[in-house]
Amino acid sequence: MERTQGETTLLVASNAAFNISSIGMVGNVTVTVEKTGDIGGTTFGASAQLPGQRTQSTFLTTAFETSIYQADEKTAYRQGSPIDQAVLIRISYSGVVHPEIKVETAL
């Protein structure tokens, strides 16, 4: 996970649907998913699929734990290493907060 002011970036590889939630954040939040790409010279996503919507925006009215992204599918599309099955998730929000971000698979 990488965090800068106003953005948290996650690399997620999952063999099940999952949910991303935030704690401690109020206001606009946008989640963007990238299926393939490069991080510091390492390629990700060669065996991945979009697990849900490519972009999802939400206005949070409470700082309590709130779902900000629901993945209906696993990220793995076919066999491969975890980095090959991973997607990059960027979470953008108001710049001064540092929310807790949770990723949990569906039960």
PDB file of N, CA and C in Angstrom:
ATOM      1  N   MET A   1       0.847  -1.175   0.000  1.00  0.00           N
ATOM      2  CA  MET A   1       0.000   0.000   0.000  1.00  0.00           C
ATOM      3  C   MET A   1       0.894   1.241   0.000  1.00  0.00           C
ATOM      4  N   GLU A   2       0.500   2.188  -0.809  1.00  0.00           N
ATOM      5  CA  GLU A   2       1.201   3.466  -0.863  1.00  0.00           C
ATOM      6  C   GLU A   2       0.200   4.552  -0.528  1.00  0.00           C
ATOM      7  N   ARG A   3       0.613   5.506   0.300  1.00  0.00           N
ATOM      8  CA  ARG A   3      -0.294   6.591   0.697  1.00  0.00           C
ATOM      9  C   ARG A   3       0.397   7.920   0.514  1.00  0.00           C
ATOM     10  N   THR A   4      -0.243   8.819  -0.218  1.00  0.00           N
ATOM     11  CA  THR A   4       0.196  10.198  -0.343  1.00  0.00           C
ATOM     12  C   THR A   4      -0.977  11.065   0.089  1.00  0.00           C
ATOM     13  N   GLN A   5      -0.772  12.349   0.201  1.00  0.00           N
ATOM     14  CA  GLN A   5      -1.870  13.217   0.625  1.00  0.00           C
ATOM     15  C   GLN A   5      -2.994  13.138  -0.396  1.00  0.00           C
ATOM     16  N   GLY A   6      -4.147  12.675   0.050  1.00  0.00           N
ATOM     17  CA  GLY A   6      -5.331  12.607  -0.801  1.00  0.00           C
ATOM     18  C   GLY A   6      -5.469  11.353  -1.626  1.00  0.00           C
ATOM     19  N   GLU A   7      -4.559  10.381  -1.477  1.00  0.00           N
ATOM     20  CA  GLU A   7      -4.663   9.161  -2.270  1.00  0.00           C
ATOM     21  C   GLU A   7      -4.006   7.978  -1.573  1.00  0.00           C
ATOM     22  N   THR A   8      -4.675   6.830  -1.657  1.00  0.00           N
ATOM     23  CA  THR A   8      -4.122   5.559  -1.205  1.00  0.00           C
ATOM     24  C   THR A   8      -4.147   4.619  -2.399  1.00  0.00           C
ATOM     25  N   THR A   9      -3.039   3.914  -2.632  1.00  0.00           N
ATOM     26  CA  THR A   9      -2.938   2.978  -3.747  1.00  0.00           C
ATOM     27  C   THR A   9      -2.702   1.580  -3.191  1.00  0.00           C
ATOM     28  N   LEU A  10      -3.496   0.621  -3.678  1.00  0.00           N
ATOM     29  CA  LEU A  10      -3.402  -0.764  -3.243  1.00  0.00           C
ATOM     30  C   LEU A  10      -3.199  -1.673  -4.444  1.00  0.00           C
ATOM     31  N   LEU A  11      -2.461  -2.735  -4.282  1.00  0.00           N
ATOM     32  CA  LEU A  11      -2.360  -3.782  -5.269  1.00  0.00           C
ATOM     33  C   LEU A  11      -3.076  -4.982  -4.667  1.00  0.00           C
ATOM     34  N   VAL A  12      -4.156  -5.432  -5.319  1.00  0.00           N
ATOM     35  CA  VAL A  12      -4.998  -6.480  -4.752  1.00  0.00           C
ATOM     36  C   VAL A  12      -5.056  -7.671  -5.695  1.00  0.00           C
ATOM     37  N   ALA A  13      -4.756  -8.863  -5.166  1.00  0.00           N
ATOM     38  CA  ALA A  13      -4.926 -10.130  -5.870  1.00  0.00           C
ATOM     39  C   ALA A  13      -5.855 -10.976  -5.028  1.00  0.00           C
ATOM     40  N   SER A  14      -6.947 -11.440  -5.632  1.00  0.00           N
ATOM     41  CA  SER A  14      -7.949 -12.167  -4.859  1.00  0.00           C
ATOM     42  C   SER A  14      -8.580 -13.280  -5.686  1.00  0.00           C
ATOM     43  N   ASN A  15      -8.833 -14.412  -5.040  1.00  0.00           N
ATOM     44  CA  ASN A  15      -9.551 -15.509  -5.678  1.00  0.00           C
ATOM     45  C   ASN A  15     -11.004 -15.542  -5.230  1.00  0.00           C
ATOM     46  N   ALA A  16     -11.490 -14.419  -4.686  1.00  0.00           N
ATOM     47  CA  ALA A  16     -12.882 -14.296  -4.254  1.00  0.00           C
ATOM     48  C   ALA A  16     -13.306 -12.837  -4.386  1.00  0.00           C
ATOM     49  N   ALA A  17     -14.612 -12.620  -4.433  1.00  0.00           N
ATOM     50  CA  ALA A  17     -15.141 -11.254  -4.418  1.00  0.00           C
ATOM     51  C   ALA A  17     -14.676 -10.571  -3.135  1.00  0.00           C
ATOM     52  N   PHE A  18     -14.591  -9.241  -3.147  1.00  0.00           N
ATOM     53  CA  PHE A  18     -14.121  -8.532  -1.962  1.00  0.00           C
ATOM     54  C   PHE A  18     -14.774  -7.171  -1.846  1.00  0.00           C
ATOM     55  N   ASN A  19     -14.639  -6.580  -0.671  1.00  0.00           N
ATOM     56  CA  ASN A  19     -15.189  -5.271  -0.372  1.00  0.00           C
ATOM     57  C   ASN A  19     -14.070  -4.389   0.178  1.00  0.00           C
ATOM     58  N   ILE A  20     -14.100  -3.119  -0.203  1.00  0.00           N
ATOM     59  CA  ILE A  20     -13.160  -2.145   0.359  1.00  0.00           C
ATOM     60  C   ILE A  20     -13.975  -1.141   1.152  1.00  0.00           C
ATOM     61  N   SER A  21     -13.569  -0.896   2.387  1.00  0.00           N
ATOM     62  CA  SER A  21     -14.272   0.072   3.223  1.00  0.00           C
ATOM     63  C   SER A  21     -13.282   1.052   3.821  1.00  0.00           C
ATOM     64  N   SER A  22     -13.800   2.188   4.260  1.00  0.00           N
ATOM     65  CA  SER A  22     -12.962   3.207   4.885  1.00  0.00           C
ATOM     66  C   SER A  22     -13.505   3.536   6.261  1.00  0.00           C
ATOM     67  N   ILE A  23     -12.602   3.967   7.117  1.00  0.00           N
ATOM     68  CA  ILE A  23     -12.952   4.434   8.455  1.00  0.00           C
ATOM     69  C   ILE A  23     -12.243   5.770   8.646  1.00  0.00           C
ATOM     70  N   GLY A  24     -12.961   6.780   9.119  1.00  0.00           N
ATOM     71  CA  GLY A  24     -12.347   8.067   9.415  1.00  0.00           C
ATOM     72  C   GLY A  24     -12.331   9.036   8.260  1.00  0.00           C
ATOM     73  N   MET A  25     -13.237   8.855   7.309  1.00  0.00           N
ATOM     74  CA  MET A  25     -13.254   9.730   6.141  1.00  0.00           C
ATOM     75  C   MET A  25     -14.680  10.220   5.892  1.00  0.00           C
ATOM     76  N   VAL A  26     -14.826  11.522   5.642  1.00  0.00           N
ATOM     77  CA  VAL A  26     -16.101  12.133   5.275  1.00  0.00           C
ATOM     78  C   VAL A  26     -15.853  12.965   4.026  1.00  0.00           C
ATOM     79  N   GLY A  27     -16.770  12.908   3.070  1.00  0.00           N
ATOM     80  CA  GLY A  27     -16.643  13.694   1.846  1.00  0.00           C
ATOM     81  C   GLY A  27     -16.579  12.811   0.618  1.00  0.00           C
ATOM     82  N   ASN A  28     -16.107  13.397  -0.481  1.00  0.00           N
ATOM     83  CA  ASN A  28     -16.034  12.673  -1.748  1.00  0.00           C
ATOM     84  C   ASN A  28     -14.890  11.674  -1.741  1.00  0.00           C
ATOM     85  N   VAL A  29     -15.165  10.486  -2.259  1.00  0.00           N
ATOM     86  CA  VAL A  29     -14.137   9.461  -2.438  1.00  0.00           C
ATOM     87  C   VAL A  29     -14.366   8.815  -3.802  1.00  0.00           C
ATOM     88  N   THR A  30     -13.275   8.608  -4.539  1.00  0.00           N
ATOM     89  CA  THR A  30     -13.351   7.950  -5.843  1.00  0.00           C
ATOM     90  C   THR A  30     -12.393   6.772  -5.849  1.00  0.00           C
ATOM     91  N   VAL A  31     -12.899   5.619  -6.271  1.00  0.00           N
ATOM     92  CA  VAL A  31     -12.095   4.411  -6.383  1.00  0.00           C
ATOM     93  C   VAL A  31     -11.942   4.106  -7.876  1.00  0.00           C
ATOM     94  N   THR A  32     -10.698   3.951  -8.320  1.00  0.00           N
ATOM     95  CA  THR A  32     -10.402   3.637  -9.716  1.00  0.00           C
ATOM     96  C   THR A  32      -9.580   2.351  -9.757  1.00  0.00           C
ATOM     97  N   VAL A  33      -9.970   1.418 -10.644  1.00  0.00           N
ATOM     98  CA  VAL A  33      -9.288   0.128 -10.760  1.00  0.00           C
ATOM     99  C   VAL A  33      -8.578   0.049 -12.107  1.00  0.00           C
ATOM    100  N   GLU A  34      -7.313  -0.339 -12.069  1.00  0.00           N
ATOM    101  CA  GLU A  34      -6.524  -0.552 -13.286  1.00  0.00           C
ATOM    102  C   GLU A  34      -6.204  -2.038 -13.386  1.00  0.00           C
ATOM    103  N   LYS A  35      -6.580  -2.649 -14.504  1.00  0.00           N
ATOM    104  CA  LYS A  35      -6.405  -4.091 -14.680  1.00  0.00           C
ATOM    105  C   LYS A  35      -4.967  -4.481 -14.995  1.00  0.00           C
ATOM    106  N   THR A  36      -4.265  -3.675 -15.736  1.00  0.00           N
ATOM    107  CA  THR A  36      -2.869  -3.980 -16.080  1.00  0.00           C
ATOM    108  C   THR A  36      -2.043  -2.716 -15.974  1.00  0.00           C
ATOM    109  N   GLY A  37      -0.744  -2.901 -15.806  1.00  0.00           N
ATOM    110  CA  GLY A  37       0.130  -1.737 -15.737  1.00  0.00           C
ATOM    111  C   GLY A  37       1.507  -2.105 -15.238  1.00  0.00           C
ATOM    112  N   ASP A  38       2.200  -1.095 -14.755  1.00  0.00           N
ATOM    113  CA  ASP A  38       3.583  -1.227 -14.339  1.00  0.00           C
ATOM    114  C   ASP A  38       3.781  -0.441 -13.052  1.00  0.00           C
ATOM    115  N   ILE A  39       4.442  -1.050 -12.084  1.00  0.00           N
ATOM    116  CA  ILE A  39       4.781  -0.370 -10.836  1.00  0.00           C
ATOM    117  C   ILE A  39       6.280  -0.511 -10.641  1.00  0.00           C
ATOM    118  N   GLY A  40       6.991   0.581 -10.750  1.00  0.00           N
ATOM    119  CA  GLY A  40       8.434   0.558 -10.533  1.00  0.00           C
ATOM    120  C   GLY A  40       9.167  -0.476 -11.365  1.00  0.00           C
ATOM    121  N   GLY A  41       8.735  -0.687 -12.596  1.00  0.00           N
ATOM    122  CA  GLY A  41       9.387  -1.644 -13.471  1.00  0.00           C
ATOM    123  C   GLY A  41       8.832  -3.050 -13.400  1.00  0.00           C
ATOM    124  N   THR A  42       7.867  -3.299 -12.514  1.00  0.00           N
ATOM    125  CA  THR A  42       7.241  -4.612 -12.393  1.00  0.00           C
ATOM    126  C   THR A  42       5.847  -4.552 -12.998  1.00  0.00           C
ATOM    127  N   THR A  43       5.580  -5.446 -13.946  1.00  0.00           N
ATOM    128  CA  THR A  43       4.277  -5.496 -14.612  1.00  0.00           C
ATOM    129  C   THR A  43       3.293  -6.287 -13.757  1.00  0.00           C
ATOM    130  N   PHE A  44       2.058  -5.791 -13.674  1.00  0.00           N
ATOM    131  CA  PHE A  44       0.999  -6.505 -12.956  1.00  0.00           C
ATOM    132  C   PHE A  44      -0.189  -6.713 -13.895  1.00  0.00           C
ATOM    133  N   GLY A  45      -1.038  -7.696 -13.554  1.00  0.00           N
ATOM    134  CA  GLY A  45      -2.326  -7.851 -14.215  1.00  0.00           C
ATOM    135  C   GLY A  45      -2.381  -8.697 -15.473  1.00  0.00           C
ATOM    136  N   ALA A  46      -1.312  -9.395 -15.842  1.00  0.00           N
ATOM    137  CA  ALA A  46      -1.323 -10.194 -17.065  1.00  0.00           C
ATOM    138  C   ALA A  46      -2.386 -11.294 -17.028  1.00  0.00           C
ATOM    139  N   SER A  47      -2.746 -11.771 -15.846  1.00  0.00           N
ATOM    140  CA  SER A  47      -3.764 -12.826 -15.691  1.00  0.00           C
ATOM    141  C   SER A  47      -4.939 -12.342 -14.851  1.00  0.00           C
ATOM    142  N   ALA A  48      -5.197 -11.031 -14.896  1.00  0.00           N
ATOM    143  CA  ALA A  48      -6.244 -10.435 -14.052  1.00  0.00           C
ATOM    144  C   ALA A  48      -7.472 -10.056 -14.872  1.00  0.00           C
ATOM    145  N   GLN A  49      -8.554  -9.777 -14.159  1.00  0.00           N
ATOM    146  CA  GLN A  49      -9.778  -9.232 -14.740  1.00  0.00           C
ATOM    147  C   GLN A  49     -10.277  -8.121 -13.832  1.00  0.00           C
ATOM    148  N   LEU A  50     -11.089  -7.228 -14.377  1.00  0.00           N
ATOM    149  CA  LEU A  50     -11.724  -6.221 -13.527  1.00  0.00           C
ATOM    150  C   LEU A  50     -12.698  -6.934 -12.604  1.00  0.00           C
ATOM    151  N   PRO A  51     -12.585  -6.726 -11.294  1.00  0.00           N
ATOM    152  CA  PRO A  51     -13.450  -7.428 -10.358  1.00  0.00           C
ATOM    153  C   PRO A  51     -14.815  -6.762 -10.165  1.00  0.00           C
ATOM    154  N   GLY A  52     -14.975  -5.577 -10.685  1.00  0.00           N
ATOM    155  CA  GLY A  52     -16.219  -4.806 -10.548  1.00  0.00           C
ATOM    156  C   GLY A  52     -16.119  -3.595 -11.451  1.00  0.00           C
ATOM    157  N   GLN A  53     -16.777  -2.524 -11.068  1.00  0.00           N
ATOM    158  CA  GLN A  53     -16.724  -1.297 -11.865  1.00  0.00           C
ATOM    159  C   GLN A  53     -15.303  -0.760 -11.942  1.00  0.00           C
ATOM    160  N   ARG A  54     -14.993  -0.120 -13.066  1.00  0.00           N
ATOM    161  CA  ARG A  54     -13.665   0.483 -13.233  1.00  0.00           C
ATOM    162  C   ARG A  54     -13.515   1.715 -12.344  1.00  0.00           C
ATOM    163  N   THR A  55     -14.590   2.501 -12.209  1.00  0.00           N
ATOM    164  CA  THR A  55     -14.572   3.704 -11.380  1.00  0.00           C
ATOM    165  C   THR A  55     -15.853   3.778 -10.571  1.00  0.00           C
ATOM    166  N   GLN A  56     -15.718   4.124  -9.308  1.00  0.00           N
ATOM    167  CA  GLN A  56     -16.879   4.281  -8.433  1.00  0.00           C
ATOM    168  C   GLN A  56     -16.648   5.488  -7.532  1.00  0.00           C
ATOM    169  N   SER A  57     -17.602   6.429  -7.547  1.00  0.00           N
ATOM    170  CA  SER A  57     -17.513   7.625  -6.694  1.00  0.00           C
ATOM    171  C   SER A  57     -18.634   7.600  -5.670  1.00  0.00           C
ATOM    172  N   THR A  58     -18.306   8.053  -4.470  1.00  0.00           N
ATOM    173  CA  THR A  58     -19.251   8.047  -3.357  1.00  0.00           C
ATOM    174  C   THR A  58     -19.041   9.304  -2.527  1.00  0.00           C
ATOM    175  N   PHE A  59     -20.111   9.817  -1.938  1.00  0.00           N
ATOM    176  CA  PHE A  59     -20.002  10.896  -0.956  1.00  0.00           C
ATOM    177  C   PHE A  59     -20.299  10.296   0.404  1.00  0.00           C
ATOM    178  N   LEU A  60     -19.311  10.288   1.295  1.00  0.00           N
ATOM    179  CA  LEU A  60     -19.465   9.705   2.625  1.00  0.00           C
ATOM    180  C   LEU A  60     -19.949  10.773   3.599  1.00  0.00           C
ATOM    181  N   THR A  61     -20.992  10.443   4.342  1.00  0.00           N
ATOM    182  CA  THR A  61     -21.564  11.391   5.293  1.00  0.00           C
ATOM    183  C   THR A  61     -21.210  11.059   6.731  1.00  0.00           C
ATOM    184  N   THR A  62     -20.500   9.950   6.947  1.00  0.00           N
ATOM    185  CA  THR A  62     -20.121   9.554   8.296  1.00  0.00           C
ATOM    186  C   THR A  62     -18.700   9.019   8.292  1.00  0.00           C
ATOM    187  N   ALA A  63     -17.992   9.202   9.378  1.00  0.00           N
ATOM    188  CA  ALA A  63     -16.620   8.706   9.494  1.00  0.00           C
ATOM    189  C   ALA A  63     -16.575   7.254   9.969  1.00  0.00           C
ATOM    190  N   PHE A  64     -17.754   6.685  10.262  1.00  0.00           N
ATOM    191  CA  PHE A  64     -17.804   5.276  10.657  1.00  0.00           C
ATOM    192  C   PHE A  64     -17.443   4.396   9.465  1.00  0.00           C
ATOM    193  N   GLU A  65     -17.160   3.123   9.711  1.00  0.00           N
ATOM    194  CA  GLU A  65     -16.798   2.214   8.625  1.00  0.00           C
ATOM    195  C   GLU A  65     -17.895   2.191   7.563  1.00  0.00           C
ATOM    196  N   THR A  66     -17.491   2.460   6.319  1.00  0.00           N
ATOM    197  CA  THR A  66     -18.429   2.553   5.205  1.00  0.00           C
ATOM    198  C   THR A  66     -17.822   1.895   3.980  1.00  0.00           C
ATOM    199  N   SER A  67     -18.607   1.103   3.253  1.00  0.00           N
ATOM    200  CA  SER A  67     -18.145   0.476   2.023  1.00  0.00           C
ATOM    201  C   SER A  67     -17.947   1.538   0.946  1.00  0.00           C
ATOM    202  N   ILE A  68     -16.785   1.484   0.267  1.00  0.00           N
ATOM    203  CA  ILE A  68     -16.518   2.429  -0.813  1.00  0.00           C
ATOM    204  C   ILE A  68     -16.338   1.727  -2.161  1.00  0.00           C
ATOM    205  N   TYR A  69     -16.188   0.395  -2.155  1.00  0.00           N
ATOM    206  CA  TYR A  69     -16.063  -0.356  -3.408  1.00  0.00           C
ATOM    207  C   TYR A  69     -16.455  -1.797  -3.161  1.00  0.00           C
ATOM    208  N   GLN A  70     -17.278  -2.352  -4.060  1.00  0.00           N
ATOM    209  CA  GLN A  70     -17.693  -3.748  -3.975  1.00  0.00           C
ATOM    210  C   GLN A  70     -17.231  -4.461  -5.238  1.00  0.00           C
ATOM    211  N   ALA A  71     -16.355  -5.442  -5.087  1.00  0.00           N
ATOM    212  CA  ALA A  71     -15.900  -6.276  -6.204  1.00  0.00           C
ATOM    213  C   ALA A  71     -16.774  -7.517  -6.238  1.00  0.00           C
ATOM    214  N   ASP A  72     -17.476  -7.713  -7.330  1.00  0.00           N
ATOM    215  CA  ASP A  72     -18.382  -8.854  -7.459  1.00  0.00           C
ATOM    216  C   ASP A  72     -17.675 -10.112  -7.937  1.00  0.00           C
ATOM    217  N   GLU A  73     -16.450  -9.942  -8.431  1.00  0.00           N
ATOM    218  CA  GLU A  73     -15.672 -11.059  -8.977  1.00  0.00           C
ATOM    219  C   GLU A  73     -14.292 -11.082  -8.337  1.00  0.00           C
ATOM    220  N   LYS A  74     -13.599 -12.193  -8.493  1.00  0.00           N
ATOM    221  CA  LYS A  74     -12.197 -12.276  -8.091  1.00  0.00           C
ATOM    222  C   LYS A  74     -11.349 -11.503  -9.096  1.00  0.00           C
ATOM    223  N   THR A  75     -10.124 -11.149  -8.719  1.00  0.00           N
ATOM    224  CA  THR A  75      -9.236 -10.471  -9.657  1.00  0.00           C
ATOM    225  C   THR A  75      -8.583 -11.473 -10.602  1.00  0.00           C
ATOM    226  N   ALA A  76      -8.396 -12.713 -10.143  1.00  0.00           N
ATOM    227  CA  ALA A  76      -7.741 -13.745 -10.955  1.00  0.00           C
ATOM    228  C   ALA A  76      -8.650 -14.158 -12.110  1.00  0.00           C
ATOM    229  N   TYR A  77      -8.113 -14.070 -13.333  1.00  0.00           N
ATOM    230  CA  TYR A  77      -8.863 -14.480 -14.520  1.00  0.00           C
ATOM    231  C   TYR A  77      -8.409 -15.857 -14.991  1.00  0.00           C
ATOM    232  N   ARG A  78      -7.115 -16.098 -14.871  1.00  0.00           N
ATOM    233  CA  ARG A  78      -6.542 -17.401 -15.215  1.00  0.00           C
ATOM    234  C   ARG A  78      -5.332 -17.633 -14.311  1.00  0.00           C
ATOM    235  N   GLN A  79      -4.752 -18.809 -14.387  1.00  0.00           N
ATOM    236  CA  GLN A  79      -3.613 -19.149 -13.542  1.00  0.00           C
ATOM    237  C   GLN A  79      -2.467 -18.180 -13.769  1.00  0.00           C
ATOM    238  N   GLY A  80      -1.741 -17.930 -12.694  1.00  0.00           N
ATOM    239  CA  GLY A  80      -0.588 -17.044 -12.767  1.00  0.00           C
ATOM    240  C   GLY A  80      -0.114 -16.718 -11.373  1.00  0.00           C
ATOM    241  N   SER A  81       0.938 -15.965 -11.291  1.00  0.00           N
ATOM    242  CA  SER A  81       1.472 -15.543  -9.997  1.00  0.00           C
ATOM    243  C   SER A  81       0.541 -14.488  -9.389  1.00  0.00           C
ATOM    244  N   PRO A  82       0.648 -14.241  -8.090  1.00  0.00           N
ATOM    245  CA  PRO A  82      -0.191 -13.206  -7.476  1.00  0.00           C
ATOM    246  C   PRO A  82      -0.066 -11.845  -8.162  1.00  0.00           C
ATOM    247  N   ILE A  83       1.136 -11.436  -8.573  1.00  0.00           N
ATOM    248  CA  ILE A  83       1.299 -10.137  -9.234  1.00  0.00           C
ATOM    249  C   ILE A  83       0.611 -10.151 -10.606  1.00  0.00           C
ATOM    250  N   ASP A  84       0.616 -11.301 -11.281  1.00  0.00           N
ATOM    251  CA  ASP A  84      -0.080 -11.411 -12.568  1.00  0.00           C
ATOM    252  C   ASP A  84      -1.599 -11.346 -12.396  1.00  0.00           C
ATOM    253  N   GLN A  85      -2.103 -11.781 -11.250  1.00  0.00           N
ATOM    254  CA  GLN A  85      -3.548 -11.799 -10.986  1.00  0.00           C
ATOM    255  C   GLN A  85      -4.026 -10.543 -10.261  1.00  0.00           C
ATOM    256  N   ALA A  86      -3.132  -9.608 -10.015  1.00  0.00           N
ATOM    257  CA  ALA A  86      -3.450  -8.412  -9.228  1.00  0.00           C
ATOM    258  C   ALA A  86      -3.971  -7.264 -10.088  1.00  0.00           C
ATOM    259  N   VAL A  87      -4.780  -6.417  -9.458  1.00  0.00           N
ATOM    260  CA  VAL A  87      -5.219  -5.147 -10.040  1.00  0.00           C
ATOM    261  C   VAL A  87      -4.754  -4.024  -9.117  1.00  0.00           C
ATOM    262  N   LEU A  88      -4.579  -2.840  -9.692  1.00  0.00           N
ATOM    263  CA  LEU A  88      -4.181  -1.664  -8.925  1.00  0.00           C
ATOM    264  C   LEU A  88      -5.433  -0.872  -8.591  1.00  0.00           C
ATOM    265  N   ILE A  89      -5.591  -0.508  -7.342  1.00  0.00           N
ATOM    266  CA  ILE A  89      -6.758   0.253  -6.892  1.00  0.00           C
ATOM    267  C   ILE A  89      -6.282   1.573  -6.304  1.00  0.00           C
ATOM    268  N   ARG A  90      -6.761   2.674  -6.889  1.00  0.00           N
ATOM    269  CA  ARG A  90      -6.448   4.024  -6.403  1.00  0.00           C
ATOM    270  C   ARG A  90      -7.684   4.584  -5.718  1.00  0.00           C
ATOM    271  N   ILE A  91      -7.507   5.028  -4.484  1.00  0.00           N
ATOM    272  CA  ILE A  91      -8.593   5.621  -3.710  1.00  0.00           C
ATOM    273  C   ILE A  91      -8.236   7.085  -3.488  1.00  0.00           C
ATOM    274  N   SER A  92      -9.024   7.990  -4.066  1.00  0.00           N
ATOM    275  CA  SER A  92      -8.772   9.431  -3.961  1.00  0.00           C
ATOM    276  C   SER A  92      -9.813  10.060  -3.045  1.00  0.00           C
ATOM    277  N   TYR A  93      -9.355  11.020  -2.196  1.00  0.00           N
ATOM    278  CA  TYR A  93     -10.240  11.636  -1.204  1.00  0.00           C
ATOM    279  C   TYR A  93      -9.704  13.000  -0.828  1.00  0.00           C
ATOM    280  N   SER A  94     -10.447  13.708   0.014  1.00  0.00           N
ATOM    281  CA  SER A  94     -10.016  15.033   0.484  1.00  0.00           C
ATOM    282  C   SER A  94      -8.622  14.922   1.075  1.00  0.00           C
ATOM    283  N   GLY A  95      -7.768  15.869   0.743  1.00  0.00           N
ATOM    284  CA  GLY A  95      -6.348  15.774   1.003  1.00  0.00           C
ATOM    285  C   GLY A  95      -5.832  15.678   2.415  1.00  0.00           C
ATOM    286  N   VAL A  96      -6.519  16.158   3.423  1.00  0.00           N
ATOM    287  CA  VAL A  96      -5.909  16.237   4.748  1.00  0.00           C
ATOM    288  C   VAL A  96      -6.198  15.034   5.642  1.00  0.00           C
ATOM    289  N   VAL A  97      -7.094  14.164   5.259  1.00  0.00           N
ATOM    290  CA  VAL A  97      -7.413  13.008   6.092  1.00  0.00           C
ATOM    291  C   VAL A  97      -6.491  11.841   5.764  1.00  0.00           C
ATOM    292  N   HIS A  98      -6.355  10.927   6.709  1.00  0.00           N
ATOM    293  CA  HIS A  98      -5.618   9.684   6.513  1.00  0.00           C
ATOM    294  C   HIS A  98      -6.502   8.546   7.001  1.00  0.00           C
ATOM    295  N   PRO A  99      -7.464   8.126   6.167  1.00  0.00           N
ATOM    296  CA  PRO A  99      -8.421   7.109   6.604  1.00  0.00           C
ATOM    297  C   PRO A  99      -7.786   5.733   6.718  1.00  0.00           C
ATOM    298  N   GLU A 100      -8.413   4.908   7.509  1.00  0.00           N
ATOM    299  CA  GLU A 100      -8.056   3.493   7.557  1.00  0.00           C
ATOM    300  C   GLU A 100      -8.810   2.831   6.413  1.00  0.00           C
ATOM    301  N   ILE A 101      -8.115   2.045   5.594  1.00  0.00           N
ATOM    302  CA  ILE A 101      -8.719   1.357   4.466  1.00  0.00           C
ATOM    303  C   ILE A 101      -8.664  -0.145   4.761  1.00  0.00           C
ATOM    304  N   LYS A 102      -9.808  -0.824   4.587  1.00  0.00           N
ATOM    305  CA  LYS A 102      -9.879  -2.269   4.825  1.00  0.00           C
ATOM    306  C   LYS A 102     -10.311  -2.963   3.552  1.00  0.00           C
ATOM    307  N   VAL A 103      -9.651  -4.083   3.244  1.00  0.00           N
ATOM    308  CA  VAL A 103     -10.034  -4.943   2.124  1.00  0.00           C
ATOM    309  C   VAL A 103     -10.370  -6.300   2.724  1.00  0.00           C
ATOM    310  N   GLU A 104     -11.601  -6.755   2.487  1.00  0.00           N
ATOM    311  CA  GLU A 104     -12.050  -8.032   3.047  1.00  0.00           C
ATOM    312  C   GLU A 104     -12.769  -8.826   1.983  1.00  0.00           C
ATOM    313  N   THR A 105     -12.485 -10.131   1.921  1.00  0.00           N
ATOM    314  CA  THR A 105     -13.204 -10.969   0.982  1.00  0.00           C
ATOM    315  C   THR A 105     -14.621 -11.205   1.467  1.00  0.00           C
ATOM    316  N   ALA A 106     -15.501 -11.449   0.504  1.00  0.00           N
ATOM    317  CA  ALA A 106     -16.902 -11.727   0.836  1.00  0.00           C
ATOM    318  C   ALA A 106     -16.995 -13.103   1.486  1.00  0.00           C
ATOM    319  N   LEU A 107     -17.922 -13.231   2.392  1.00  0.00           N
ATOM    320  CA  LEU A 107     -18.108 -14.524   3.059  1.00  0.00           C
ATOM    321  C   LEU A 107     -19.095 -15.365   2.328  1.00  0.00           C
TER     322      LEU A 107
END
